[in-house]
């Protein structure tokens, strides 16, 4: 299986900077693992889109699009579960 490239949208980079530093290594590891498996066990497809998924890292959520044509995982949102869906 081909490896995907993972990119963070500017907004996701900004959100990542606001997260408590204790959680950053776990979140980063989860995002990096999307390159090998863009649909890991436990990921959920979000309703309303054919290509948008989310993964859970503790109380944080990472929302991303999978672009099959370019083998790209684009992280569009990172945040606490109470804020990320707004």
Protein backbone atom coordinates (compact mmCIF):
# COMPACT_ATOMS: atom_id res chain seq x y z
CA UNK A 1 0.00 0.00 0.00
CA UNK A 2 1.24 3.46 -0.85
CA UNK A 3 2.04 5.94 1.86
CA UNK A 4 -0.04 9.09 2.06
CA UNK A 5 1.42 12.52 2.68
CA UNK A 6 -0.03 14.40 5.64
CA UNK A 7 -0.52 18.16 5.59
CA UNK A 8 -1.94 20.50 8.21
CA UNK A 9 -4.17 23.35 7.11
CA UNK A 10 -3.06 26.75 8.43
CA UNK A 11 -6.07 26.80 10.77
CA UNK A 12 -5.11 23.37 12.19
CA UNK A 13 -1.53 24.55 12.82
CA UNK A 14 -2.93 27.54 14.71
CA UNK A 15 -5.24 25.33 16.79
CA UNK A 16 -2.37 22.97 17.59
CA UNK A 17 -0.38 25.85 19.11
CA UNK A 18 -3.24 26.53 21.57
CA UNK A 19 -3.38 22.96 22.91
CA UNK A 20 -1.88 22.03 26.27
CA UNK A 21 1.71 20.87 25.65
CA UNK A 22 1.17 17.59 27.49
CA UNK A 23 -1.10 16.34 24.70
CA UNK A 24 0.98 17.49 21.71
CA UNK A 25 3.21 14.35 21.43
CA UNK A 26 0.19 12.01 21.39
CA UNK A 27 -1.67 14.17 18.88
CA UNK A 28 1.39 14.46 16.65
CA UNK A 29 1.98 10.69 16.74
CA UNK A 30 -1.65 10.05 15.78
CA UNK A 31 -1.46 12.54 12.89
CA UNK A 32 1.80 11.03 11.62
CA UNK A 33 0.29 7.53 11.73
CA UNK A 34 -2.40 8.68 9.27
CA UNK A 35 0.27 8.55 6.54
CA UNK A 36 0.38 4.75 6.85
CA UNK A 37 -3.28 4.14 7.68
CA UNK A 38 -5.64 7.02 6.86
CA UNK A 39 -8.63 5.09 8.20
CA UNK A 40 -7.36 3.62 11.50
CA UNK A 41 -9.48 1.51 13.80
CA UNK A 42 -11.82 3.80 15.68
CA UNK A 43 -11.93 6.57 13.08
CA UNK A 44 -15.40 7.87 12.25
CA UNK A 45 -16.64 9.17 8.93
CA UNK A 46 -18.40 12.48 9.46
CA UNK A 47 -21.88 12.82 8.04
CA UNK A 48 -22.38 15.35 5.29
CA UNK A 49 -19.09 14.59 3.52
CA UNK A 50 -17.71 11.68 1.54
CA UNK A 51 -14.07 12.31 2.48
CA UNK A 52 -14.04 13.74 6.02
CA UNK A 53 -13.10 11.64 9.04
CA UNK A 54 -12.18 12.16 12.67
CA UNK A 55 -9.96 10.37 15.13
CA UNK A 56 -10.01 10.60 18.90
CA UNK A 57 -6.95 11.28 21.02
CA UNK A 58 -8.19 11.42 24.60
CA UNK A 59 -10.47 14.45 24.84
CA UNK A 60 -9.12 15.90 21.59
CA UNK A 61 -10.35 15.32 18.07
CA UNK A 62 -8.51 15.54 14.77
CA UNK A 63 -10.74 16.14 11.75
CA UNK A 64 -9.26 15.46 8.34
CA UNK A 65 -10.03 14.94 4.66
CA UNK A 66 -8.65 12.07 2.62
CA UNK A 67 -7.82 12.99 -0.98
CA UNK A 68 -7.37 9.63 -2.69
CA UNK A 69 -6.38 11.10 -6.06
CA UNK A 70 -3.29 12.76 -4.53
CA UNK A 71 -2.70 10.26 -1.69
CA UNK A 72 -3.08 13.15 0.73
CA UNK A 73 -4.45 13.41 4.25
CA UNK A 74 -5.31 17.05 4.99
CA UNK A 75 -5.82 17.82 8.68
CA UNK A 76 -8.41 20.59 8.80
CA UNK A 77 -9.23 20.91 12.49
CA UNK A 78 -7.71 19.95 15.84
CA UNK A 79 -9.41 20.73 19.10
CA UNK A 80 -11.06 19.72 22.33
CA UNK A 81 -14.16 17.61 21.82
CA UNK A 82 -16.45 20.31 23.23
CA UNK A 83 -15.23 22.90 20.69
CA UNK A 84 -14.13 21.04 17.57
CA UNK A 85 -17.53 20.53 15.91
CA UNK A 86 -18.65 24.17 16.12
